Amino acid sequence: MPPELVDAILEETGTRERRLRCLPSRVGVYFVLALGLFEHLGARLVWTKLIAGLTAQVPEPSEKALRDLRRRIGSAPVKRLFEVLAGPLAQPSTPGVSYRRWRTVAFDGCSSLAVPGHERNWAWLGRPASRLGQAAYPRLMLMTLCETGTRGLIAAAFGPVARGETYYAQQLTSNLTPDMLLLADRAFHTNDLLAQIARRGTQFLVRCTSRRHPPVLALLPDGSYLTRIAGLTLRVIEAEIRTRTADGSTFGDTYRLLTTLTDHRTDPAHQLVRLYHERWGATRSRTRLSELPDRRIDLMSTA
């Protein structure tokens, strides 16, 4: 993130300082990024790390000065910086990022991110319930669209937990393109969301719940069958996954996958079942958003 890019974004969002300051807006953007890197440290310690490699004389701001700096630049330049930099990282020819001619992407969400107990956060995010009553801190729902092969983030949406994962996933569908194949868990099999994805021209391979029993329109030689959901002709693939533990016992589950890839000859059922596990590679083999340590993210817009 070169300074020229940050300066251009500050100009675009109208957040460049209007007079000479010891802490210009450009420094504020890099300071906010450093807060994300050193999330468990206070503002002064983060500032110390940010300037550690500099030989020039630099200011030693107070906690209040750093707080005022964040308030002055606001959230707009950081949001715009993410929009400029986010997107697929790999070339189409990079191994492991594509299935046939489609780039594979996935939804990955988290609803356990705690934020500071500020009045504005409570008003915006609500007061979630817990087993012992109300939660100690408001919680944030974060939903991302990521490239499965590189784990690169393409887009993100966040807000109150009460709205649910599907609500935020629908906000991300505008980032889908016809050259993508979306892999998604059973939380994302609602008719409205599937129709919205299909309207973008994006192929999908989505697991649905065991309670959903789509009608069988035609049986295919590989054991899958065609059905009709949300005005779409889809293919249903059922697979039973079994795992043997060290003590010899077995456990498993039945997967029912919905896909727009309806040709069993070009896309055999066993091949799509293996492909679905690439979603696990993007959202489980790495540190999942929902498996990060419980923490309170200091939102810049509410500082």
C-alpha atoms as a PDB file:
ATOM      1  CA  MET A   1       0.000   0.000   0.000  1.00  0.00           C
ATOM      2  CA  PRO A   2       2.262   2.793  -1.251  1.00  0.00           C
ATOM      3  CA  PRO A   3       1.767   6.337   0.086  1.00  0.00           C
ATOM      4  CA  GLU A   4       0.630   7.480  -3.365  1.00  0.00           C
ATOM      5  CA  LEU A   5      -2.345   5.096  -3.193  1.00  0.00           C
ATOM      6  CA  VAL A   6      -3.270   6.239   0.312  1.00  0.00           C
ATOM      7  CA  ASP A   7      -3.011   9.901  -0.721  1.00  0.00           C
ATOM      8  CA  ALA A   8      -5.240   9.307  -3.746  1.00  0.00           C
ATOM      9  CA  ILE A   9      -7.877   7.622  -1.578  1.00  0.00           C
ATOM     10  CA  LEU A  10      -7.771  10.461   0.948  1.00  0.00           C
ATOM     11  CA  GLU A  11      -8.352  12.946  -1.883  1.00  0.00           C
ATOM     12  CA  GLU A  12     -11.184  10.831  -3.296  1.00  0.00           C
ATOM     13  CA  THR A  13     -12.961  10.535   0.064  1.00  0.00           C
ATOM     14  CA  GLY A  14     -12.332  14.181   1.046  1.00  0.00           C
ATOM     15  CA  THR A  15     -10.471  13.259   4.229  1.00  0.00           C
ATOM     16  CA  ARG A  16      -7.064  14.856   3.604  1.00  0.00           C
ATOM     17  CA  GLU A  17      -6.070  17.361   6.296  1.00  0.00           C
ATOM     18  CA  ARG A  18      -6.876  21.013   5.504  1.00  0.00           C
ATOM     19  CA  ARG A  19      -3.942  22.498   7.415  1.00  0.00           C
ATOM     20  CA  LEU A  20      -0.416  21.463   8.339  1.00  0.00           C
ATOM     21  CA  ARG A  21      -0.549  18.898  11.158  1.00  0.00           C
ATOM     22  CA  CYS A  22       1.927  16.858  13.158  1.00  0.00           C
ATOM     23  CA  LEU A  23      -0.320  13.824  12.468  1.00  0.00           C
ATOM     24  CA  PRO A  24      -1.509  14.037   8.842  1.00  0.00           C
ATOM     25  CA  SER A  25      -4.329  11.870   7.525  1.00  0.00           C
ATOM     26  CA  ARG A  26      -1.938   9.595   5.655  1.00  0.00           C
ATOM     27  CA  VAL A  27      -0.327   8.662   8.966  1.00  0.00           C
ATOM     28  CA  GLY A  28      -3.795   8.020  10.383  1.00  0.00           C
ATOM     29  CA  VAL A  29      -4.538   5.399   7.717  1.00  0.00           C
ATOM     30  CA  TYR A  30      -1.305   3.512   8.394  1.00  0.00           C
ATOM     31  CA  PHE A  31      -1.935   3.775  12.131  1.00  0.00           C
ATOM     32  CA  VAL A  32      -5.360   2.145  11.767  1.00  0.00           C
ATOM     33  CA  LEU A  33      -3.800  -0.649   9.692  1.00  0.00           C
ATOM     34  CA  ALA A  34      -1.174  -1.139  12.415  1.00  0.00           C
ATOM     35  CA  LEU A  35      -3.945  -1.402  15.025  1.00  0.00           C
ATOM     36  CA  GLY A  36      -5.243  -4.378  13.070  1.00  0.00           C
ATOM     37  CA  LEU A  37      -1.823  -6.029  13.034  1.00  0.00           C
ATOM     38  CA  PHE A  38      -1.211  -5.522  16.765  1.00  0.00           C
ATOM     39  CA  GLU A  39      -4.773  -5.948  17.979  1.00  0.00           C
ATOM     40  CA  HIS A  40      -3.956  -6.760  21.603  1.00  0.00           C
ATOM     41  CA  LEU A  41      -1.826  -3.644  22.189  1.00  0.00           C
ATOM     42  CA  GLY A  42      -2.873  -0.157  23.236  1.00  0.00           C
ATOM     43  CA  ALA A  43      -2.695   2.798  20.870  1.00  0.00           C
ATOM     44  CA  ARG A  44       0.590   4.180  22.245  1.00  0.00           C
ATOM     45  CA  LEU A  45       2.369   0.823  21.951  1.00  0.00           C
ATOM     46  CA  VAL A  46       1.071   0.376  18.411  1.00  0.00           C
ATOM     47  CA  TRP A  47       2.351   3.868  17.556  1.00  0.00           C
ATOM     48  CA  THR A  48       5.771   2.877  18.915  1.00  0.00           C
ATOM     49  CA  LYS A  49       5.879  -0.157  16.638  1.00  0.00           C
ATOM     50  CA  LEU A  50       4.717   1.911  13.663  1.00  0.00           C
ATOM     51  CA  ILE A  51       7.630   4.361  13.952  1.00  0.00           C
ATOM     52  CA  ALA A  52      10.263   1.919  15.223  1.00  0.00           C
ATOM     53  CA  GLY A  53      12.212   1.821  11.952  1.00  0.00           C
ATOM     54  CA  LEU A  54      12.309   5.567  11.351  1.00  0.00           C
ATOM     55  CA  THR A  55      15.435   7.628  11.895  1.00  0.00           C
ATOM     56  CA  ALA A  56      13.769  11.050  11.483  1.00  0.00           C
ATOM     57  CA  GLN A  57      12.338  12.995  14.406  1.00  0.00           C
ATOM     58  CA  VAL A  58       8.658  12.082  14.835  1.00  0.00           C
ATOM     59  CA  PRO A  59       5.965  13.291  17.240  1.00  0.00           C
ATOM     60  CA  GLU A  60       5.083  11.437  20.432  1.00  0.00           C
ATOM     61  CA  PRO A  61       1.296  11.838  20.493  1.00  0.00           C
ATOM     62  CA  SER A  62      -0.894  11.161  23.489  1.00  0.00           C
ATOM     63  CA  GLU A  63      -3.694   8.611  23.570  1.00  0.00           C
ATOM     64  CA  LYS A  64      -6.163  11.451  23.029  1.00  0.00           C
ATOM     65  CA  ALA A  65      -4.252  12.723  19.991  1.00  0.00           C
ATOM     66  CA  LEU A  66      -4.295   9.260  18.430  1.00  0.00           C
ATOM     67  CA  ARG A  67      -8.005   8.909  19.188  1.00  0.00           C
ATOM     68  CA  ASP A  68      -8.698  12.292  17.586  1.00  0.00           C
ATOM     69  CA  LEU A  69      -6.655  11.252  14.540  1.00  0.00           C
ATOM     70  CA  ARG A  70      -8.854   8.206  14.022  1.00  0.00           C
ATOM     71  CA  ARG A  71     -12.002  10.250  14.441  1.00  0.00           C
ATOM     72  CA  ARG A  72     -10.768  12.857  11.991  1.00  0.00           C
ATOM     73  CA  ILE A  73     -10.127  10.450   9.103  1.00  0.00           C
ATOM     74  CA  GLY A  74     -13.269   8.405   9.833  1.00  0.00           C
ATOM     75  CA  SER A  75     -14.059   5.066   8.220  1.00  0.00           C
ATOM     76  CA  ALA A  76     -14.446   6.186   4.578  1.00  0.00           C
ATOM     77  CA  PRO A  77     -10.763   6.003   3.494  1.00  0.00           C
ATOM     78  CA  VAL A  78     -10.224   2.603   5.135  1.00  0.00           C
ATOM     79  CA  LYS A  79     -13.366   1.236   3.497  1.00  0.00           C
ATOM     80  CA  ARG A  80     -12.281   2.596   0.124  1.00  0.00           C
ATOM     81  CA  LEU A  81      -8.778   1.172   0.564  1.00  0.00           C
ATOM     82  CA  PHE A  82     -10.265  -2.277   1.135  1.00  0.00           C
ATOM     83  CA  GLU A  83     -12.458  -1.927  -1.969  1.00  0.00           C
ATOM     84  CA  VAL A  84      -9.433  -1.005  -4.092  1.00  0.00           C
ATOM     85  CA  LEU A  85      -7.209  -3.828  -2.843  1.00  0.00           C
ATOM     86  CA  ALA A  86      -9.729  -6.652  -2.338  1.00  0.00           C
ATOM     87  CA  GLY A  87     -10.217  -9.190  -5.103  1.00  0.00           C
ATOM     88  CA  PRO A  88      -8.929 -12.508  -6.455  1.00  0.00           C
ATOM     89  CA  LEU A  89      -5.187 -12.910  -6.041  1.00  0.00           C
ATOM     90  CA  ALA A  90      -4.379 -15.738  -8.436  1.00  0.00           C
ATOM     91  CA  GLN A  91      -4.123 -15.934 -12.194  1.00  0.00           C
ATOM     92  CA  PRO A  92      -6.630 -18.308 -13.855  1.00  0.00           C
ATOM     93  CA  SER A  93      -3.741 -20.658 -14.657  1.00  0.00           C
ATOM     94  CA  THR A  94      -2.597 -20.896 -11.011  1.00  0.00           C
ATOM     95  CA  PRO A  95      -3.008 -24.505  -9.778  1.00  0.00           C
ATOM     96  CA  GLY A  96      -5.778 -25.047  -7.243  1.00  0.00           C
ATOM     97  CA  VAL A  97      -7.823 -21.890  -7.862  1.00  0.00           C
ATOM     98  CA  SER A  98     -10.145 -23.104 -10.623  1.00  0.00           C
ATOM     99  CA  TYR A  99     -12.472 -25.931 -11.513  1.00  0.00           C
ATOM    100  CA  ARG A 100     -12.569 -26.298 -15.278  1.00  0.00           C
ATOM    101  CA  ARG A 101     -13.153 -22.723 -16.520  1.00  0.00           C
ATOM    102  CA  TRP A 102     -14.509 -21.307 -13.237  1.00  0.00           C
ATOM    103  CA  ARG A 103     -12.626 -19.678 -10.389  1.00  0.00           C
ATOM    104  CA  THR A 104     -13.819 -21.267  -7.107  1.00  0.00           C
ATOM    105  CA  VAL A 105     -14.962 -18.909  -4.346  1.00  0.00           C
ATOM    106  CA  ALA A 106     -16.732 -19.424  -1.016  1.00  0.00           C
ATOM    107  CA  PHE A 107     -18.680 -17.604   1.700  1.00  0.00           C
ATOM    108  CA  ASP A 108     -17.022 -17.498   5.128  1.00  0.00           C
ATOM    109  CA  GLY A 109     -18.744 -15.843   8.086  1.00  0.00           C
ATOM    110  CA  CYS A 110     -18.431 -15.288  11.799  1.00  0.00           C
ATOM    111  CA  SER A 111     -20.930 -14.090  14.413  1.00  0.00           C
ATOM    112  CA  SER A 112     -18.740 -14.168  17.536  1.00  0.00           C
ATOM    113  CA  LEU A 113     -16.715 -10.964  17.114  1.00  0.00           C
ATOM    114  CA  ALA A 114     -17.149  -8.830  20.218  1.00  0.00           C
ATOM    115  CA  VAL A 115     -16.809  -5.038  19.945  1.00  0.00           C
ATOM    116  CA  PRO A 116     -16.450  -2.327  22.627  1.00  0.00           C
ATOM    117  CA  GLY A 117     -19.454  -1.778  24.900  1.00  0.00           C
ATOM    118  CA  HIS A 118     -19.994   1.769  23.645  1.00  0.00           C
ATOM    119  CA  GLU A 119     -23.519   3.232  23.627  1.00  0.00           C
ATOM    120  CA  ARG A 120     -23.414   3.673  19.856  1.00  0.00           C
ATOM    121  CA  ASN A 121     -22.371   0.054  19.386  1.00  0.00           C
ATOM    122  CA  TRP A 122     -25.212  -1.157  21.631  1.00  0.00           C
ATOM    123  CA  ALA A 123     -27.680   1.007  19.685  1.00  0.00           C
ATOM    124  CA  TRP A 124     -26.437  -0.279  16.341  1.00  0.00           C
ATOM    125  CA  LEU A 125     -25.753  -3.948  17.089  1.00  0.00           C
ATOM    126  CA  GLY A 126     -28.350  -4.595  19.794  1.00  0.00           C
ATOM    127  CA  ARG A 127     -27.990  -6.541  23.021  1.00  0.00           C
ATOM    128  CA  PRO A 128     -27.507 -10.246  22.225  1.00  0.00           C
ATOM    129  CA  ALA A 129     -28.723 -12.773  24.756  1.00  0.00           C
ATOM    130  CA  SER A 130     -26.475 -15.342  26.400  1.00  0.00           C
ATOM    131  CA  ARG A 131     -27.051 -18.303  28.718  1.00  0.00           C
ATOM    132  CA  LEU A 132     -26.598 -16.048  31.737  1.00  0.00           C
ATOM    133  CA  GLY A 133     -28.663 -13.147  30.410  1.00  0.00           C
ATOM    134  CA  GLN A 134     -27.413 -10.370  28.182  1.00  0.00           C
ATOM    135  CA  ALA A 135     -23.953 -10.583  26.652  1.00  0.00           C
ATOM    136  CA  ALA A 136     -21.209  -8.442  28.185  1.00  0.00           C
ATOM    137  CA  TYR A 137     -20.332  -6.886  24.817  1.00  0.00           C
ATOM    138  CA  PRO A 138     -22.214  -6.279  21.568  1.00  0.00           C
ATOM    139  CA  ARG A 139     -21.397  -8.766  18.817  1.00  0.00           C
ATOM    140  CA  LEU A 140     -20.696  -8.206  15.154  1.00  0.00           C
ATOM    141  CA  MET A 141     -21.647 -10.461  12.239  1.00  0.00           C
ATOM    142  CA  LEU A 142     -18.902 -10.543   9.585  1.00  0.00           C
ATOM    143  CA  MET A 143     -19.417 -12.223   6.208  1.00  0.00           C
ATOM    144  CA  THR A 144     -16.740 -12.506   3.528  1.00  0.00           C
ATOM    145  CA  LEU A 145     -16.459 -13.771  -0.018  1.00  0.00           C
ATOM    146  CA  CYS A 146     -13.041 -15.377  -0.515  1.00  0.00           C
ATOM    147  CA  GLU A 147     -11.060 -17.110  -3.234  1.00  0.00           C
ATOM    148  CA  THR A 148     -10.664 -20.733  -2.146  1.00  0.00           C
ATOM    149  CA  GLY A 149      -7.251 -21.337  -3.706  1.00  0.00           C
ATOM    150  CA  THR A 150      -5.476 -18.339  -2.145  1.00  0.00           C
ATOM    151  CA  ARG A 151      -7.790 -17.393   0.786  1.00  0.00           C
ATOM    152  CA  GLY A 152      -7.794 -13.884  -0.688  1.00  0.00           C
ATOM    153  CA  LEU A 153     -10.780 -11.733   0.320  1.00  0.00           C
ATOM    154  CA  ILE A 154     -12.927 -10.476  -2.542  1.00  0.00           C
ATOM    155  CA  ALA A 155     -15.566  -8.621  -0.525  1.00  0.00           C
ATOM    156  CA  ALA A 156     -16.908  -8.282   3.017  1.00  0.00           C
ATOM    157  CA  ALA A 157     -20.083  -7.153   4.776  1.00  0.00           C
ATOM    158  CA  PHE A 158     -20.858  -6.758   8.459  1.00  0.00           C
ATOM    159  CA  GLY A 159     -23.524  -5.567  10.869  1.00  0.00           C
ATOM    160  CA  PRO A 160     -25.900  -6.771  13.615  1.00  0.00           C
ATOM    161  CA  VAL A 161     -25.929 -10.511  14.307  1.00  0.00           C
ATOM    162  CA  ALA A 162     -29.735 -10.585  14.362  1.00  0.00           C
ATOM    163  CA  ARG A 163     -29.940 -10.188  10.584  1.00  0.00           C
ATOM    164  CA  GLY A 164     -28.310 -13.570   9.976  1.00  0.00           C
ATOM    165  CA  GLU A 165     -25.726 -14.915   7.544  1.00  0.00           C
ATOM    166  CA  THR A 166     -28.015 -15.027   4.518  1.00  0.00           C
ATOM    167  CA  TYR A 167     -28.734 -11.297   4.744  1.00  0.00           C
ATOM    168  CA  TYR A 168     -25.041 -10.412   4.478  1.00  0.00           C
ATOM    169  CA  ALA A 169     -24.367 -13.071   1.848  1.00  0.00           C
ATOM    170  CA  GLN A 170     -26.992 -11.400  -0.352  1.00  0.00           C
ATOM    171  CA  GLN A 171     -25.053  -8.141  -0.046  1.00  0.00           C
ATOM    172  CA  LEU A 172     -21.975  -9.880  -1.437  1.00  0.00           C
ATOM    173  CA  THR A 173     -23.620 -11.413  -4.510  1.00  0.00           C
ATOM    174  CA  SER A 174     -22.972  -8.221  -6.500  1.00  0.00           C
ATOM    175  CA  ASN A 175     -19.283  -9.233  -6.439  1.00  0.00           C
ATOM    176  CA  LEU A 176     -19.967 -12.570  -8.145  1.00  0.00           C
ATOM    177  CA  THR A 177     -19.152 -12.901 -11.853  1.00  0.00           C
ATOM    178  CA  PRO A 178     -19.962 -15.465 -14.575  1.00  0.00           C
ATOM    179  CA  ASP A 179     -16.423 -16.896 -14.377  1.00  0.00           C
ATOM    180  CA  MET A 180     -16.915 -17.995 -10.740  1.00  0.00           C
ATOM    181  CA  LEU A 181     -18.130 -21.186  -9.092  1.00  0.00           C
ATOM    182  CA  LEU A 182     -19.461 -20.571  -5.580  1.00  0.00           C
ATOM    183  CA  LEU A 183     -19.023 -23.248  -2.893  1.00  0.00           C
ATOM    184  CA  ALA A 184     -21.267 -22.679   0.116  1.00  0.00           C
ATOM    185  CA  ASP A 185     -22.453 -24.406   3.279  1.00  0.00           C
ATOM    186  CA  ARG A 186     -26.031 -25.366   4.125  1.00  0.00           C
ATOM    187  CA  ALA A 187     -26.752 -21.941   5.651  1.00  0.00           C
ATOM    188  CA  PHE A 188     -26.866 -20.507   2.126  1.00  0.00           C
ATOM    189  CA  HIS A 189     -29.367 -22.723   0.313  1.00  0.00           C
ATOM    190  CA  THR A 190     -32.420 -20.437   0.547  1.00  0.00           C
ATOM    191  CA  ASN A 191     -34.409 -19.995  -2.652  1.00  0.00           C
ATOM    192  CA  ASP A 192     -33.906 -16.227  -2.795  1.00  0.00           C
ATOM    193  CA  LEU A 193     -30.143 -16.467  -2.411  1.00  0.00           C
ATOM    194  CA  LEU A 194     -29.793 -19.253  -4.985  1.00  0.00           C
ATOM    195  CA  ALA A 195     -31.855 -17.271  -7.481  1.00  0.00           C
ATOM    196  CA  GLN A 196     -29.791 -14.154  -6.800  1.00  0.00           C
ATOM    197  CA  ILE A 197     -26.549 -16.053  -7.416  1.00  0.00           C
ATOM    198  CA  ALA A 198     -27.879 -17.538 -10.644  1.00  0.00           C
ATOM    199  CA  ARG A 199     -28.909 -14.098 -11.932  1.00  0.00           C
ATOM    200  CA  ARG A 200     -25.245 -13.070 -11.705  1.00  0.00           C
ATOM    201  CA  GLY A 201     -24.402 -15.900 -14.097  1.00  0.00           C
ATOM    202  CA  THR A 202     -22.371 -17.631 -11.372  1.00  0.00           C
ATOM    203  CA  GLN A 203     -22.339 -21.416 -11.046  1.00  0.00           C
ATOM    204  CA  PHE A 204     -22.788 -22.819  -7.539  1.00  0.00           C
ATOM    205  CA  LEU A 205     -22.281 -25.987  -5.516  1.00  0.00           C
ATOM    206  CA  VAL A 206     -24.194 -25.553  -2.241  1.00  0.00           C
ATOM    207  CA  ARG A 207     -24.975 -28.016   0.510  1.00  0.00           C
ATOM    208  CA  CYS A 208     -28.597 -28.050   1.681  1.00  0.00           C
ATOM    209  CA  THR A 209     -30.025 -29.326   4.940  1.00  0.00           C
ATOM    210  CA  SER A 210     -31.218 -32.897   5.391  1.00  0.00           C
ATOM    211  CA  ARG A 211     -34.727 -31.586   6.006  1.00  0.00           C
ATOM    212  CA  ARG A 212     -34.993 -30.356   2.441  1.00  0.00           C
ATOM    213  CA  HIS A 213     -36.239 -33.014   0.015  1.00  0.00           C
ATOM    214  CA  PRO A 214     -36.358 -31.584  -3.513  1.00  0.00           C
ATOM    215  CA  PRO A 215     -38.573 -33.388  -6.043  1.00  0.00           C
ATOM    216  CA  VAL A 216     -36.917 -35.903  -8.365  1.00  0.00           C
ATOM    217  CA  LEU A 217     -37.486 -34.947 -12.008  1.00  0.00           C
ATOM    218  CA  ALA A 218     -34.965 -37.253 -13.687  1.00  0.00           C
ATOM    219  CA  LEU A 219     -32.449 -39.816 -12.425  1.00  0.00           C
ATOM    220  CA  LEU A 220     -28.934 -39.618 -13.854  1.00  0.00           C
ATOM    221  CA  PRO A 221     -26.528 -42.557 -14.393  1.00  0.00           C
ATOM    222  CA  ASP A 222     -24.104 -41.438 -11.658  1.00  0.00           C
ATOM    223  CA  GLY A 223     -26.827 -41.552  -8.974  1.00  0.00           C
ATOM    224  CA  SER A 224     -27.568 -37.820  -8.956  1.00  0.00           C
ATOM    225  CA  TYR A 225     -30.887 -36.414 -10.124  1.00  0.00           C
ATOM    226  CA  LEU A 226     -32.387 -33.257 -11.582  1.00  0.00           C
ATOM    227  CA  THR A 227     -34.846 -31.086  -9.696  1.00  0.00           C
ATOM    228  CA  ARG A 228     -36.499 -27.678  -9.890  1.00  0.00           C
ATOM    229  CA  ILE A 229     -35.896 -25.063  -7.158  1.00  0.00           C
ATOM    230  CA  ALA A 230     -36.586 -21.323  -7.239  1.00  0.00           C
ATOM    231  CA  GLY A 231     -37.315 -21.501 -10.953  1.00  0.00           C
ATOM    232  CA  LEU A 232     -33.913 -23.105 -11.598  1.00  0.00           C
ATOM    233  CA  THR A 233     -33.134 -26.538 -12.995  1.00  0.00           C
ATOM    234  CA  LEU A 234     -30.604 -27.943 -10.560  1.00  0.00           C
ATOM    235  CA  ARG A 235     -28.832 -31.205  -9.955  1.00  0.00           C
ATOM    236  CA  VAL A 236     -28.851 -32.930  -6.569  1.00  0.00           C
ATOM    237  CA  ILE A 237     -25.922 -35.075  -5.450  1.00  0.00           C
ATOM    238  CA  GLU A 238     -26.223 -37.182  -2.317  1.00  0.00           C
ATOM    239  CA  ALA A 239     -23.131 -38.608  -0.626  1.00  0.00           C
ATOM    240  CA  GLU A 240     -22.506 -40.309   2.694  1.00  0.00           C
ATOM    241  CA  ILE A 241     -19.231 -39.297   4.375  1.00  0.00           C
ATOM    242  CA  ARG A 242     -17.775 -41.778   6.895  1.00  0.00           C
ATOM    243  CA  THR A 243     -14.734 -41.330   9.131  1.00  0.00           C
ATOM    244  CA  ARG A 244     -13.004 -43.958  11.267  1.00  0.00           C
ATOM    245  CA  THR A 245     -11.464 -42.808  14.544  1.00  0.00           C
ATOM    246  CA  ALA A 246      -8.355 -44.150  16.242  1.00  0.00           C
ATOM    247  CA  ASP A 247     -10.402 -46.438  18.493  1.00  0.00           C
ATOM    248  CA  GLY A 248     -12.079 -48.066  15.487  1.00  0.00           C
ATOM    249  CA  SER A 249     -15.474 -46.381  15.782  1.00  0.00           C
ATOM    250  CA  THR A 250     -17.011 -44.640  12.787  1.00  0.00           C
ATOM    251  CA  PHE A 251     -19.182 -41.590  12.403  1.00  0.00           C
ATOM    252  CA  GLY A 252     -20.419 -39.603   9.446  1.00  0.00           C
ATOM    253  CA  ASP A 253     -23.128 -37.595   7.809  1.00  0.00           C
ATOM    254  CA  THR A 254     -25.092 -37.439   4.588  1.00  0.00           C
ATOM    255  CA  TYR A 255     -24.363 -34.582   2.225  1.00  0.00           C
ATOM    256  CA  ARG A 256     -26.986 -33.306  -0.183  1.00  0.00           C
ATOM    257  CA  LEU A 257     -25.457 -30.871  -2.670  1.00  0.00           C
ATOM    258  CA  LEU A 258     -27.325 -28.554  -5.044  1.00  0.00           C
ATOM    259  CA  THR A 259     -25.553 -27.419  -8.179  1.00  0.00           C
ATOM    260  CA  THR A 260     -26.143 -25.651 -11.462  1.00  0.00           C
ATOM    261  CA  LEU A 261     -23.667 -28.077 -13.115  1.00  0.00           C
ATOM    262  CA  THR A 262     -26.319 -30.426 -14.459  1.00  0.00           C
ATOM    263  CA  ASP A 263     -24.283 -32.506 -16.939  1.00  0.00           C
ATOM    264  CA  HIS A 264     -23.171 -35.719 -15.237  1.00  0.00           C
ATOM    265  CA  ARG A 265     -20.728 -36.483 -18.067  1.00  0.00           C
ATOM    266  CA  THR A 266     -18.599 -33.343 -17.764  1.00  0.00           C
ATOM    267  CA  ASP A 267     -19.101 -33.037 -13.992  1.00  0.00           C
ATOM    268  CA  PRO A 268     -19.363 -36.519 -12.405  1.00  0.00           C
ATOM    269  CA  ALA A 269     -20.914 -36.670  -8.940  1.00  0.00           C
ATOM    270  CA  HIS A 270     -17.774 -38.018  -7.231  1.00  0.00           C
ATOM    271  CA  GLN A 271     -15.730 -35.185  -8.716  1.00  0.00           C
ATOM    272  CA  LEU A 272     -18.106 -32.508  -7.389  1.00  0.00           C
ATOM    273  CA  VAL A 273     -18.135 -34.108  -3.931  1.00  0.00           C
ATOM    274  CA  ARG A 274     -14.334 -33.806  -3.826  1.00  0.00           C
ATOM    275  CA  LEU A 275     -14.598 -30.250  -5.146  1.00  0.00           C
ATOM    276  CA  TYR A 276     -16.981 -29.263  -2.339  1.00  0.00           C
ATOM    277  CA  HIS A 277     -14.252 -30.021   0.183  1.00  0.00           C
ATOM    278  CA  GLU A 278     -12.213 -27.185  -1.300  1.00  0.00           C
ATOM    279  CA  ARG A 279     -14.606 -24.935   0.603  1.00  0.00           C
ATOM    280  CA  TRP A 280     -13.286 -26.563   3.766  1.00  0.00           C
ATOM    281  CA  GLY A 281      -9.789 -25.793   2.538  1.00  0.00           C
ATOM    282  CA  ALA A 282     -10.686 -22.104   2.411  1.00  0.00           C
ATOM    283  CA  THR A 283     -12.720 -21.863   5.602  1.00  0.00           C
ATOM    284  CA  ARG A 284     -11.378 -24.643   7.850  1.00  0.00           C
ATOM    285  CA  SER A 285      -7.770 -25.560   7.096  1.00  0.00           C
ATOM    286  CA  ARG A 286      -6.761 -21.965   7.685  1.00  0.00           C
ATOM    287  CA  THR A 287      -7.688 -20.161  10.907  1.00  0.00           C
ATOM    288  CA  ARG A 288     -11.384 -19.558  10.393  1.00  0.00           C
ATOM    289  CA  LEU A 289     -12.881 -16.210  11.204  1.00  0.00           C
ATOM    290  CA  SER A 290     -15.101 -17.916  13.751  1.00  0.00           C
ATOM    291  CA  GLU A 291     -12.137 -19.682  15.405  1.00  0.00           C
ATOM    292  CA  LEU A 292     -10.152 -16.546  16.156  1.00  0.00           C
ATOM    293  CA  PRO A 293      -9.718 -15.796  19.873  1.00  0.00           C
ATOM    294  CA  ASP A 294     -12.624 -13.919  21.407  1.00  0.00           C
ATOM    295  CA  ARG A 295     -11.679 -10.290  21.130  1.00  0.00           C
ATOM    296  CA  ARG A 296     -13.150  -6.804  21.084  1.00  0.00           C
ATOM    297  CA  ILE A 297     -12.501  -5.114  17.776  1.00  0.00           C
ATOM    298  CA  ASP A 298     -12.077  -1.382  18.232  1.00  0.00           C
ATOM    299  CA  LEU A 299     -14.193  -0.083  15.365  1.00  0.00           C
ATOM    300  CA  MET A 300     -12.817   3.087  13.912  1.00  0.00           C
ATOM    301  CA  SER A 301     -16.256   4.489  13.158  1.00  0.00           C
ATOM    302  CA  THR A 302     -17.287   4.283  16.824  1.00  0.00           C
ATOM    303  CA  ALA A 303     -13.999   5.214  18.504  1.00  0.00           C
END
